[in-house]
Amino acid sequence: MLTWEEFEKVEMRVGTIVEVNDFPEARKPAYQLTIDFGTEIGMRKSSAQITKRYDKEELLNRQIVAVVNFPKKQIGKFMSECLVLGSVGADNDIVLLTPDFKVENGLRIG
C-alpha cells in the first residue's frame, strides 16, 4: 500500500501528442511520441507500445495522461522522457488514459 504522501510524488500530467513516428528498432511494436505538456514542462518524448489499437493519424492531437517525473530511459537510440499511461488488457492491448474533455496541457492529475 502507498501512503498519500508517496502517491503525491507521482506527477501525472495531461499532454497533447504533436508528433508520432514509427519505432522499427523497438523489440516490441511501438511508436515514438512527442508530447506537448504546456509552457511549464514543455515537450517530452516517449516510446509507447500502442500500435495494436492506434494508428499514427488518430494519435495526432490526442490528449493523454503521462508520468513526467520518472528518470529518462534509454530505449535503443531513443531517450524516453515520460511514461504514457494506459490500461493493459490481454495480449498487451493498451488503451490510453485520456481526459473526457479537452483541457490545458500540463494540468496535473490528482
PDB file of N, CA and C in Angstrom:
ATOM      1  N   MET A   1       0.842  -1.188   0.000  1.00  0.00           N
ATOM      2  CA  MET A   1       0.000   0.000   0.000  1.00  0.00           C
ATOM      3  C   MET A   1       0.886   1.250   0.000  1.00  0.00           C
ATOM      4  N   LEU A   2       0.482   2.208  -0.791  1.00  0.00           N
ATOM      5  CA  LEU A   2       1.162   3.504  -0.809  1.00  0.00           C
ATOM      6  C   LEU A   2       0.541   4.432   0.221  1.00  0.00           C
ATOM      7  N   THR A   3       1.347   5.308   0.732  1.00  0.00           N
ATOM      8  CA  THR A   3       0.780   6.377   1.555  1.00  0.00           C
ATOM      9  C   THR A   3       0.355   7.500   0.616  1.00  0.00           C
ATOM     10  N   TRP A   4      -0.488   8.387   1.100  1.00  0.00           N
ATOM     11  CA  TRP A   4      -0.908   9.540   0.304  1.00  0.00           C
ATOM     12  C   TRP A   4       0.302  10.387  -0.078  1.00  0.00           C
ATOM     13  N   GLU A   5       1.228  10.517   0.828  1.00  0.00           N
ATOM     14  CA  GLU A   5       2.451  11.294   0.582  1.00  0.00           C
ATOM     15  C   GLU A   5       3.260  10.682  -0.575  1.00  0.00           C
ATOM     16  N   GLU A   6       3.336   9.355  -0.626  1.00  0.00           N
ATOM     17  CA  GLU A   6       4.049   8.689  -1.723  1.00  0.00           C
ATOM     18  C   GLU A   6       3.330   8.909  -3.050  1.00  0.00           C
ATOM     19  N   PHE A   7       2.001   8.793  -3.040  1.00  0.00           N
ATOM     20  CA  PHE A   7       1.206   8.998  -4.261  1.00  0.00           C
ATOM     21  C   PHE A   7       1.404  10.404  -4.804  1.00  0.00           C
ATOM     22  N   GLU A   8       1.459  11.388  -3.931  1.00  0.00           N
ATOM     23  CA  GLU A   8       1.603  12.772  -4.373  1.00  0.00           C
ATOM     24  C   GLU A   8       2.933  13.034  -5.077  1.00  0.00           C
ATOM     25  N   LYS A   9       3.917  12.164  -4.903  1.00  0.00           N
ATOM     26  CA  LYS A   9       5.201  12.314  -5.578  1.00  0.00           C
ATOM     27  C   LYS A   9       5.112  11.961  -7.053  1.00  0.00           C
ATOM     28  N   VAL A  10       4.121  11.154  -7.445  1.00  0.00           N
ATOM     29  CA  VAL A  10       3.948  10.763  -8.842  1.00  0.00           C
ATOM     30  C   VAL A  10       3.261  11.920  -9.563  1.00  0.00           C
ATOM     31  N   GLU A  11       3.976  12.515 -10.500  1.00  0.00           N
ATOM     32  CA  GLU A  11       3.466  13.698 -11.195  1.00  0.00           C
ATOM     33  C   GLU A  11       2.865  13.294 -12.544  1.00  0.00           C
ATOM     34  N   MET A  12       1.542  13.111 -12.547  1.00  0.00           N
ATOM     35  CA  MET A  12       0.811  12.772 -13.763  1.00  0.00           C
ATOM     36  C   MET A  12       0.258  14.056 -14.349  1.00  0.00           C
ATOM     37  N   ARG A  13       0.483  14.247 -15.651  1.00  0.00           N
ATOM     38  CA  ARG A  13       0.058  15.471 -16.328  1.00  0.00           C
ATOM     39  C   ARG A  13      -0.639  15.126 -17.633  1.00  0.00           C
ATOM     40  N   VAL A  14      -1.486  16.056 -18.088  1.00  0.00           N
ATOM     41  CA  VAL A  14      -2.146  15.935 -19.381  1.00  0.00           C
ATOM     42  C   VAL A  14      -1.263  16.600 -20.430  1.00  0.00           C
ATOM     43  N   GLY A  15      -1.108  15.925 -21.552  1.00  0.00           N
ATOM     44  CA  GLY A  15      -0.360  16.482 -22.670  1.00  0.00           C
ATOM     45  C   GLY A  15      -1.026  16.125 -23.988  1.00  0.00           C
ATOM     46  N   THR A  16      -0.644  16.835 -25.047  1.00  0.00           N
ATOM     47  CA  THR A  16      -1.184  16.588 -26.379  1.00  0.00           C
ATOM     48  C   THR A  16      -0.088  16.014 -27.267  1.00  0.00           C
ATOM     49  N   ILE A  17      -0.385  14.913 -27.928  1.00  0.00           N
ATOM     50  CA  ILE A  17       0.574  14.295 -28.852  1.00  0.00           C
ATOM     51  C   ILE A  17       0.666  15.175 -30.097  1.00  0.00           C
ATOM     52  N   VAL A  18       1.870  15.643 -30.392  1.00  0.00           N
ATOM     53  CA  VAL A  18       2.070  16.542 -31.542  1.00  0.00           C
ATOM     54  C   VAL A  18       2.877  15.886 -32.670  1.00  0.00           C
ATOM     55  N   GLU A  19       3.487  14.740 -32.377  1.00  0.00           N
ATOM     56  CA  GLU A  19       4.242  14.024 -33.413  1.00  0.00           C
ATOM     57  C   GLU A  19       4.252  12.541 -33.079  1.00  0.00           C
ATOM     58  N   VAL A  20       4.072  11.716 -34.126  1.00  0.00           N
ATOM     59  CA  VAL A  20       4.080  10.259 -33.974  1.00  0.00           C
ATOM     60  C   VAL A  20       4.957   9.669 -35.073  1.00  0.00           C
ATOM     61  N   ASN A  21       5.929   8.857 -34.673  1.00  0.00           N
ATOM     62  CA  ASN A  21       6.811   8.197 -35.641  1.00  0.00           C
ATOM     63  C   ASN A  21       6.874   6.709 -35.343  1.00  0.00           C
ATOM     64  N   ASP A  22       7.088   5.928 -36.400  1.00  0.00           N
ATOM     65  CA  ASP A  22       7.327   4.502 -36.214  1.00  0.00           C
ATOM     66  C   ASP A  22       8.621   4.322 -35.426  1.00  0.00           C
ATOM     67  N   PHE A  23       8.733   3.194 -34.744  1.00  0.00           N
ATOM     68  CA  PHE A  23       9.919   2.891 -33.955  1.00  0.00           C
ATOM     69  C   PHE A  23      10.377   1.471 -34.325  1.00  0.00           C
ATOM     70  N   PRO A  24      10.937   1.305 -35.533  1.00  0.00           N
ATOM     71  CA  PRO A  24      11.285  -0.041 -36.007  1.00  0.00           C
ATOM     72  C   PRO A  24      12.380  -0.724 -35.187  1.00  0.00           C
ATOM     73  N   GLU A  25      13.192   0.048 -34.451  1.00  0.00           N
ATOM     74  CA  GLU A  25      14.262  -0.537 -33.647  1.00  0.00           C
ATOM     75  C   GLU A  25      13.761  -1.147 -32.335  1.00  0.00           C
ATOM     76  N   ALA A  26      12.539  -0.851 -31.941  1.00  0.00           N
ATOM     77  CA  ALA A  26      11.990  -1.365 -30.678  1.00  0.00           C
ATOM     78  C   ALA A  26      11.814  -2.885 -30.749  1.00  0.00           C
ATOM     79  N   ARG A  27      12.033  -3.564 -29.607  1.00  0.00           N
ATOM     80  CA  ARG A  27      11.872  -5.018 -29.557  1.00  0.00           C
ATOM     81  C   ARG A  27      10.416  -5.427 -29.768  1.00  0.00           C
ATOM     82  N   LYS A  28       9.490  -4.647 -29.185  1.00  0.00           N
ATOM     83  CA  LYS A  28       8.058  -4.877 -29.386  1.00  0.00           C
ATOM     84  C   LYS A  28       7.521  -3.696 -30.184  1.00  0.00           C
ATOM     85  N   PRO A  29       6.491  -3.909 -31.031  1.00  0.00           N
ATOM     86  CA  PRO A  29       5.973  -2.807 -31.853  1.00  0.00           C
ATOM     87  C   PRO A  29       5.611  -1.590 -30.991  1.00  0.00           C
ATOM     88  N   ALA A  30       6.101  -0.426 -31.424  1.00  0.00           N
ATOM     89  CA  ALA A  30       5.902   0.799 -30.649  1.00  0.00           C
ATOM     90  C   ALA A  30       5.969   2.014 -31.563  1.00  0.00           C
ATOM     91  N   TYR A  31       5.492   3.135 -31.030  1.00  0.00           N
ATOM     92  CA  TYR A  31       5.641   4.429 -31.679  1.00  0.00           C
ATOM     93  C   TYR A  31       6.551   5.300 -30.821  1.00  0.00           C
ATOM     94  N   GLN A  32       7.195   6.259 -31.467  1.00  0.00           N
ATOM     95  CA  GLN A  32       7.897   7.335 -30.776  1.00  0.00           C
ATOM     96  C   GLN A  32       6.952   8.535 -30.787  1.00  0.00           C
ATOM     97  N   LEU A  33       6.642   9.060 -29.614  1.00  0.00           N
ATOM     98  CA  LEU A  33       5.705  10.174 -29.485  1.00  0.00           C
ATOM     99  C   LEU A  33       6.430  11.419 -28.996  1.00  0.00           C
ATOM    100  N   THR A  34       6.014  12.568 -29.515  1.00  0.00           N
ATOM    101  CA  THR A  34       6.407  13.852 -28.953  1.00  0.00           C
ATOM    102  C   THR A  34       5.136  14.461 -28.385  1.00  0.00           C
ATOM    103  N   ILE A  35       5.199  14.857 -27.111  1.00  0.00           N
ATOM    104  CA  ILE A  35       4.005  15.288 -26.378  1.00  0.00           C
ATOM    105  C   ILE A  35       4.235  16.686 -25.817  1.00  0.00           C
ATOM    106  N   ASP A  36       3.254  17.562 -26.020  1.00  0.00           N
ATOM    107  CA  ASP A  36       3.308  18.934 -25.509  1.00  0.00           C
ATOM    108  C   ASP A  36       2.620  18.987 -24.147  1.00  0.00           C
ATOM    109  N   PHE A  37       3.412  19.294 -23.102  1.00  0.00           N
ATOM    110  CA  PHE A  37       2.877  19.415 -21.749  1.00  0.00           C
ATOM    111  C   PHE A  37       2.755  20.874 -21.310  1.00  0.00           C
ATOM    112  N   GLY A  38       2.689  21.811 -22.240  1.00  0.00           N
ATOM    113  CA  GLY A  38       2.489  23.218 -21.892  1.00  0.00           C
ATOM    114  C   GLY A  38       3.792  23.936 -21.576  1.00  0.00           C
ATOM    115  N   THR A  39       3.662  25.208 -21.221  1.00  0.00           N
ATOM    116  CA  THR A  39       4.834  26.062 -21.053  1.00  0.00           C
ATOM    117  C   THR A  39       5.714  25.675 -19.874  1.00  0.00           C
ATOM    118  N   GLU A  40       5.147  25.206 -18.784  1.00  0.00           N
ATOM    119  CA  GLU A  40       5.934  24.865 -17.592  1.00  0.00           C
ATOM    120  C   GLU A  40       6.857  23.666 -17.834  1.00  0.00           C
ATOM    121  N   ILE A  41       6.357  22.635 -18.497  1.00  0.00           N
ATOM    122  CA  ILE A  41       7.107  21.394 -18.702  1.00  0.00           C
ATOM    123  C   ILE A  41       7.689  21.313 -20.107  1.00  0.00           C
ATOM    124  N   GLY A  42       6.947  21.775 -21.095  1.00  0.00           N
ATOM    125  CA  GLY A  42       7.413  21.756 -22.479  1.00  0.00           C
ATOM    126  C   GLY A  42       7.160  20.433 -23.171  1.00  0.00           C
ATOM    127  N   MET A  43       7.968  20.172 -24.184  1.00  0.00           N
ATOM    128  CA  MET A  43       7.839  18.960 -24.996  1.00  0.00           C
ATOM    129  C   MET A  43       8.618  17.822 -24.347  1.00  0.00           C
ATOM    130  N   ARG A  44       8.034  16.644 -24.378  1.00  0.00           N
ATOM    131  CA  ARG A  44       8.694  15.431 -23.888  1.00  0.00           C
ATOM    132  C   ARG A  44       8.482  14.335 -24.924  1.00  0.00           C
ATOM    133  N   LYS A  45       9.429  13.410 -24.983  1.00  0.00           N
ATOM    134  CA  LYS A  45       9.330  12.268 -25.890  1.00  0.00           C
ATOM    135  C   LYS A  45       9.069  11.004 -25.087  1.00  0.00           C
ATOM    136  N   SER A  46       8.370  10.075 -25.736  1.00  0.00           N
ATOM    137  CA  SER A  46       8.081   8.803 -25.090  1.00  0.00           C
ATOM    138  C   SER A  46       7.949   7.724 -26.151  1.00  0.00           C
ATOM    139  N   SER A  47       8.274   6.508 -25.759  1.00  0.00           N
ATOM    140  CA  SER A  47       8.017   5.340 -26.584  1.00  0.00           C
ATOM    141  C   SER A  47       6.770   4.663 -26.009  1.00  0.00           C
ATOM    142  N   ALA A  48       5.856   4.276 -26.891  1.00  0.00           N
ATOM    143  CA  ALA A  48       4.618   3.661 -26.405  1.00  0.00           C
ATOM    144  C   ALA A  48       4.249   2.454 -27.266  1.00  0.00           C
ATOM    145  N   GLN A  49       3.996   1.334 -26.621  1.00  0.00           N
ATOM    146  CA  GLN A  49       3.619   0.101 -27.308  1.00  0.00           C
ATOM    147  C   GLN A  49       2.100   0.075 -27.508  1.00  0.00           C
ATOM    148  N   ILE A  50       1.637   0.963 -28.371  1.00  0.00           N
ATOM    149  CA  ILE A  50       0.190   1.135 -28.570  1.00  0.00           C
ATOM    150  C   ILE A  50      -0.212   0.910 -30.022  1.00  0.00           C
ATOM    151  N   THR A  51       0.625   0.209 -30.791  1.00  0.00           N
ATOM    152  CA  THR A  51       0.364   0.015 -32.223  1.00  0.00           C
ATOM    153  C   THR A  51      -0.787  -0.945 -32.495  1.00  0.00           C
ATOM    154  N   LYS A  52      -1.130  -1.776 -31.527  1.00  0.00           N
ATOM    155  CA  LYS A  52      -2.199  -2.762 -31.719  1.00  0.00           C
ATOM    156  C   LYS A  52      -3.566  -2.086 -31.875  1.00  0.00           C
ATOM    157  N   ARG A  53      -3.789  -1.019 -31.135  1.00  0.00           N
ATOM    158  CA  ARG A  53      -5.099  -0.368 -31.103  1.00  0.00           C
ATOM    159  C   ARG A  53      -5.138   0.969 -31.849  1.00  0.00           C
ATOM    160  N   TYR A  54      -3.988   1.651 -31.980  1.00  0.00           N
ATOM    161  CA  TYR A  54      -3.976   3.016 -32.507  1.00  0.00           C
ATOM    162  C   TYR A  54      -3.135   3.141 -33.775  1.00  0.00           C
ATOM    163  N   ASP A  55      -3.664   3.883 -34.752  1.00  0.00           N
ATOM    164  CA  ASP A  55      -2.905   4.290 -35.933  1.00  0.00           C
ATOM    165  C   ASP A  55      -2.247   5.629 -35.639  1.00  0.00           C
ATOM    166  N   LYS A  56      -1.154   5.921 -36.336  1.00  0.00           N
ATOM    167  CA  LYS A  56      -0.430   7.174 -36.105  1.00  0.00           C
ATOM    168  C   LYS A  56      -1.337   8.388 -36.291  1.00  0.00           C
ATOM    169  N   GLU A  57      -2.166   8.363 -37.333  1.00  0.00           N
ATOM    170  CA  GLU A  57      -3.013   9.515 -37.638  1.00  0.00           C
ATOM    171  C   GLU A  57      -4.012   9.824 -36.519  1.00  0.00           C
ATOM    172  N   GLU A  58      -4.562   8.795 -35.887  1.00  0.00           N
ATOM    173  CA  GLU A  58      -5.558   9.035 -34.839  1.00  0.00           C
ATOM    174  C   GLU A  58      -4.926   9.472 -33.517  1.00  0.00           C
ATOM    175  N   LEU A  59      -3.613   9.298 -33.394  1.00  0.00           N
ATOM    176  CA  LEU A  59      -2.926   9.733 -32.180  1.00  0.00           C
ATOM    177  C   LEU A  59      -2.579  11.225 -32.206  1.00  0.00           C
ATOM    178  N   LEU A  60      -2.385  11.776 -33.395  1.00  0.00           N
ATOM    179  CA  LEU A  60      -2.034  13.197 -33.507  1.00  0.00           C
ATOM    180  C   LEU A  60      -3.123  14.069 -32.890  1.00  0.00           C
ATOM    181  N   ASN A  61      -2.704  15.000 -32.074  1.00  0.00           N
ATOM    182  CA  ASN A  61      -3.580  15.961 -31.392  1.00  0.00           C
ATOM    183  C   ASN A  61      -4.476  15.332 -30.320  1.00  0.00           C
ATOM    184  N   ARG A  62      -4.223  14.093 -29.962  1.00  0.00           N
ATOM    185  CA  ARG A  62      -4.971  13.430 -28.893  1.00  0.00           C
ATOM    186  C   ARG A  62      -4.335  13.794 -27.552  1.00  0.00           C
ATOM    187  N   GLN A  63      -5.169  14.113 -26.574  1.00  0.00           N
ATOM    188  CA  GLN A  63      -4.657  14.360 -25.231  1.00  0.00           C
ATOM    189  C   GLN A  63      -4.527  13.035 -24.484  1.00  0.00           C
ATOM    190  N   ILE A  64      -3.438  12.922 -23.731  1.00  0.00           N
ATOM    191  CA  ILE A  64      -3.147  11.708 -22.971  1.00  0.00           C
ATOM    192  C   ILE A  64      -2.716  12.105 -21.563  1.00  0.00           C
ATOM    193  N   VAL A  65      -2.551  11.099 -20.713  1.00  0.00           N
ATOM    194  CA  VAL A  65      -2.029  11.300 -19.361  1.00  0.00           C
ATOM    195  C   VAL A  65      -0.696  10.574 -19.284  1.00  0.00           C
ATOM    196  N   ALA A  66       0.302  11.233 -18.711  1.00  0.00           N
ATOM    197  CA  ALA A  66       1.631  10.624 -18.587  1.00  0.00           C
ATOM    198  C   ALA A  66       2.273  11.020 -17.265  1.00  0.00           C
ATOM    199  N   VAL A  67       3.179  10.165 -16.790  1.00  0.00           N
ATOM    200  CA  VAL A  67       4.010  10.487 -15.634  1.00  0.00           C
ATOM    201  C   VAL A  67       5.230  11.223 -16.172  1.00  0.00           C
ATOM    202  N   VAL A  68       5.483  12.430 -15.646  1.00  0.00           N
ATOM    203  CA  VAL A  68       6.564  13.269 -16.185  1.00  0.00           C
ATOM    204  C   VAL A  68       7.766  13.383 -15.258  1.00  0.00           C
ATOM    205  N   ASN A  69       7.733  12.740 -14.090  1.00  0.00           N
ATOM    206  CA  ASN A  69       8.864  12.888 -13.167  1.00  0.00           C
ATOM    207  C   ASN A  69       9.611  11.577 -12.895  1.00  0.00           C
ATOM    208  N   PHE A  70       9.549  10.632 -13.836  1.00  0.00           N
ATOM    209  CA  PHE A  70      10.425   9.470 -13.779  1.00  0.00           C
ATOM    210  C   PHE A  70      11.759   9.845 -14.415  1.00  0.00           C
ATOM    211  N   PRO A  71      12.840   9.146 -14.068  1.00  0.00           N
ATOM    212  CA  PRO A  71      14.108   9.396 -14.770  1.00  0.00           C
ATOM    213  C   PRO A  71      13.968   9.034 -16.252  1.00  0.00           C
ATOM    214  N   LYS A  72      14.746   9.688 -17.101  1.00  0.00           N
ATOM    215  CA  LYS A  72      14.756   9.356 -18.524  1.00  0.00           C
ATOM    216  C   LYS A  72      15.219   7.911 -18.688  1.00  0.00           C
ATOM    217  N   LYS A  73      14.726   7.259 -19.767  1.00  0.00           N
ATOM    218  CA  LYS A  73      15.063   5.860 -20.006  1.00  0.00           C
ATOM    219  C   LYS A  73      15.529   5.691 -21.448  1.00  0.00           C
ATOM    220  N   GLN A  74      16.723   5.139 -21.612  1.00  0.00           N
ATOM    221  CA  GLN A  74      17.271   4.886 -22.939  1.00  0.00           C
ATOM    222  C   GLN A  74      16.639   3.625 -23.501  1.00  0.00           C
ATOM    223  N   ILE A  75      16.028   3.734 -24.697  1.00  0.00           N
ATOM    224  CA  ILE A  75      15.430   2.585 -25.376  1.00  0.00           C
ATOM    225  C   ILE A  75      16.075   2.541 -26.760  1.00  0.00           C
ATOM    226  N   GLY A  76      17.099   1.720 -26.905  1.00  0.00           N
ATOM    227  CA  GLY A  76      17.881   1.727 -28.137  1.00  0.00           C
ATOM    228  C   GLY A  76      18.573   3.071 -28.282  1.00  0.00           C
ATOM    229  N   LYS A  77      18.381   3.704 -29.429  1.00  0.00           N
ATOM    230  CA  LYS A  77      18.960   5.030 -29.664  1.00  0.00           C
ATOM    231  C   LYS A  77      18.017   6.146 -29.227  1.00  0.00           C
ATOM    232  N   PHE A  78      16.861   5.788 -28.698  1.00  0.00           N
ATOM    233  CA  PHE A  78      15.815   6.750 -28.347  1.00  0.00           C
ATOM    234  C   PHE A  78      15.799   6.984 -26.837  1.00  0.00           C
ATOM    235  N   MET A  79      15.640   8.238 -26.417  1.00  0.00           N
ATOM    236  CA  MET A  79      15.559   8.573 -24.993  1.00  0.00           C
ATOM    237  C   MET A  79      14.106   8.896 -24.647  1.00  0.00           C
ATOM    238  N   SER A  80      13.495   8.054 -23.816  1.00  0.00           N
ATOM    239  CA  SER A  80      12.121   8.278 -23.367  1.00  0.00           C
ATOM    240  C   SER A  80      12.161   9.191 -22.146  1.00  0.00           C
ATOM    241  N   GLU A  81      11.335  10.254 -22.162  1.00  0.00           N
ATOM    242  CA  GLU A  81      11.372  11.282 -21.124  1.00  0.00           C
ATOM    243  C   GLU A  81      10.124  11.312 -20.243  1.00  0.00           C
ATOM    244  N   CYS A  82       9.156  10.453 -20.535  1.00  0.00           N
ATOM    245  CA  CYS A  82       7.942  10.365 -19.713  1.00  0.00           C
ATOM    246  C   CYS A  82       7.301   9.009 -19.967  1.00  0.00           C
ATOM    247  N   LEU A  83       6.344   8.651 -19.122  1.00  0.00           N
ATOM    248  CA  LEU A  83       5.651   7.371 -19.254  1.00  0.00           C
ATOM    249  C   LEU A  83       4.179   7.637 -19.554  1.00  0.00           C
ATOM    250  N   VAL A  84       3.760   7.295 -20.775  1.00  0.00           N
ATOM    251  CA  VAL A  84       2.363   7.435 -21.179  1.00  0.00           C
ATOM    252  C   VAL A  84       1.562   6.347 -20.485  1.00  0.00           C
ATOM    253  N   LEU A  85       0.417   6.708 -19.904  1.00  0.00           N
ATOM    254  CA  LEU A  85      -0.380   5.765 -19.123  1.00  0.00           C
ATOM    255  C   LEU A  85      -1.542   5.187 -19.924  1.00  0.00           C
ATOM    256  N   GLY A  86      -1.797   3.913 -19.686  1.00  0.00           N
ATOM    257  CA  GLY A  86      -2.922   3.246 -20.320  1.00  0.00           C
ATOM    258  C   GLY A  86      -3.266   1.987 -19.547  1.00  0.00           C
ATOM    259  N   SER A  87      -4.446   1.471 -19.809  1.00  0.00           N
ATOM    260  CA  SER A  87      -4.825   0.201 -19.188  1.00  0.00           C
ATOM    261  C   SER A  87      -4.325  -0.922 -20.092  1.00  0.00           C
ATOM    262  N   VAL A  88      -3.795  -1.979 -19.473  1.00  0.00           N
ATOM    263  CA  VAL A  88      -3.188  -3.072 -20.223  1.00  0.00           C
ATOM    264  C   VAL A  88      -4.110  -4.285 -20.162  1.00  0.00           C
ATOM    265  N   GLY A  89      -4.620  -4.661 -21.334  1.00  0.00           N
ATOM    266  CA  GLY A  89      -5.514  -5.813 -21.411  1.00  0.00           C
ATOM    267  C   GLY A  89      -4.783  -7.052 -21.889  1.00  0.00           C
ATOM    268  N   ALA A  90      -5.550  -8.037 -22.310  1.00  0.00           N
ATOM    269  CA  ALA A  90      -4.991  -9.296 -22.803  1.00  0.00           C
ATOM    270  C   ALA A  90      -4.071  -9.028 -23.988  1.00  0.00           C
ATOM    271  N   ASP A  91      -3.009  -9.805 -24.084  1.00  0.00           N
ATOM    272  CA  ASP A  91      -2.040  -9.697 -25.182  1.00  0.00           C
ATOM    273  C   ASP A  91      -1.463  -8.299 -25.326  1.00  0.00           C
ATOM    274  N   ASN A  92      -1.277  -7.592 -24.202  1.00  0.00           N
ATOM    275  CA  ASN A  92      -0.676  -6.257 -24.184  1.00  0.00           C
ATOM    276  C   ASN A  92      -1.473  -5.254 -25.015  1.00  0.00           C
ATOM    277  N   ASP A  93      -2.791  -5.411 -25.037  1.00  0.00           N
ATOM    278  CA  ASP A  93      -3.677  -4.469 -25.744  1.00  0.00           C
ATOM    279  C   ASP A  93      -3.887  -3.264 -24.833  1.00  0.00           C
ATOM    280  N   ILE A  94      -3.238  -2.143 -25.161  1.00  0.00           N
ATOM    281  CA  ILE A  94      -3.224  -0.965 -24.292  1.00  0.00           C
ATOM    282  C   ILE A  94      -4.227   0.068 -24.769  1.00  0.00           C
ATOM    283  N   VAL A  95      -5.033   0.563 -23.838  1.00  0.00           N
ATOM    284  CA  VAL A  95      -5.983   1.647 -24.091  1.00  0.00           C
ATOM    285  C   VAL A  95      -5.481   2.862 -23.312  1.00  0.00           C
ATOM    286  N   LEU A  96      -5.232   3.953 -24.032  1.00  0.00           N
ATOM    287  CA  LEU A  96      -4.679   5.160 -23.414  1.00  0.00           C
ATOM    288  C   LEU A  96      -5.637   5.795 -22.418  1.00  0.00           C
ATOM    289  N   LEU A  97      -5.074   6.373 -21.352  1.00  0.00           N
ATOM    290  CA  LEU A  97      -5.855   7.179 -20.423  1.00  0.00           C
ATOM    291  C   LEU A  97      -5.928   8.594 -20.993  1.00  0.00           C
ATOM    292  N   THR A  98      -7.140   9.103 -21.126  1.00  0.00           N
ATOM    293  CA  THR A  98      -7.347  10.424 -21.724  1.00  0.00           C
ATOM    294  C   THR A  98      -8.407  11.181 -20.934  1.00  0.00           C
ATOM    295  N   PRO A  99      -8.342  12.526 -20.938  1.00  0.00           N
ATOM    296  CA  PRO A  99      -9.419  13.288 -20.303  1.00  0.00           C
ATOM    297  C   PRO A  99     -10.690  13.229 -21.161  1.00  0.00           C
ATOM    298  N   ASP A 100     -11.844  13.323 -20.515  1.00  0.00           N
ATOM    299  CA  ASP A 100     -13.124  13.311 -21.235  1.00  0.00           C
ATOM    300  C   ASP A 100     -13.302  14.550 -22.102  1.00  0.00           C
ATOM    301  N   PHE A 101     -12.735  15.670 -21.660  1.00  0.00           N
ATOM    302  CA  PHE A 101     -12.863  16.933 -22.361  1.00  0.00           C
ATOM    303  C   PHE A 101     -11.481  17.520 -22.574  1.00  0.00           C
ATOM    304  N   LYS A 102     -11.323  18.333 -23.611  1.00  0.00           N
ATOM    305  CA  LYS A 102     -10.042  18.992 -23.856  1.00  0.00           C
ATOM    306  C   LYS A 102      -9.742  19.940 -22.687  1.00  0.00           C
ATOM    307  N   VAL A 103      -8.515  19.807 -22.165  1.00  0.00           N
ATOM    308  CA  VAL A 103      -8.075  20.644 -21.054  1.00  0.00           C
ATOM    309  C   VAL A 103      -6.732  21.248 -21.419  1.00  0.00           C
ATOM    310  N   GLU A 104      -6.261  22.146 -20.583  1.00  0.00           N
ATOM    311  CA  GLU A 104      -4.983  22.796 -20.805  1.00  0.00           C
ATOM    312  C   GLU A 104      -3.836  21.796 -20.643  1.00  0.00           C
ATOM    313  N   ASN A 105      -2.904  21.822 -21.598  1.00  0.00           N
ATOM    314  CA  ASN A 105      -1.722  20.961 -21.492  1.00  0.00           C
ATOM    315  C   ASN A 105      -0.955  21.281 -20.225  1.00  0.00           C
ATOM    316  N   GLY A 106      -0.497  20.245 -19.534  1.00  0.00           N
ATOM    317  CA  GLY A 106       0.289  20.420 -18.326  1.00  0.00           C
ATOM    318  C   GLY A 106      -0.503  20.312 -17.051  1.00  0.00           C
ATOM    319  N   LEU A 107      -1.844  20.263 -17.144  1.00  0.00           N
ATOM    320  CA  LEU A 107      -2.634  20.153 -15.911  1.00  0.00           C
ATOM    321  C   LEU A 107      -2.271  18.867 -15.188  1.00  0.00           C
ATOM    322  N   ARG A 108      -2.172  18.970 -13.873  1.00  0.00           N
ATOM    323  CA  ARG A 108      -1.783  17.825 -13.049  1.00  0.00           C
ATOM    324  C   ARG A 108      -2.998  16.970 -12.710  1.00  0.00           C
ATOM    325  N   ILE A 109      -2.786  15.670 -12.698  1.00  0.00           N
ATOM    326  CA  ILE A 109      -3.806  14.715 -12.283  1.00  0.00           C
ATOM    327  C   ILE A 109      -3.629  14.502 -10.780  1.00  0.00           C
ATOM    328  N   GLY A 110      -4.699  14.549 -10.039  1.00  0.00           N
ATOM    329  CA  GLY A 110      -4.561  14.391  -8.599  1.00  0.00           C
ATOM    330  C   GLY A 110      -5.772  13.808  -7.961  1.00  0.00           C
TER     331      GLY A 110
END
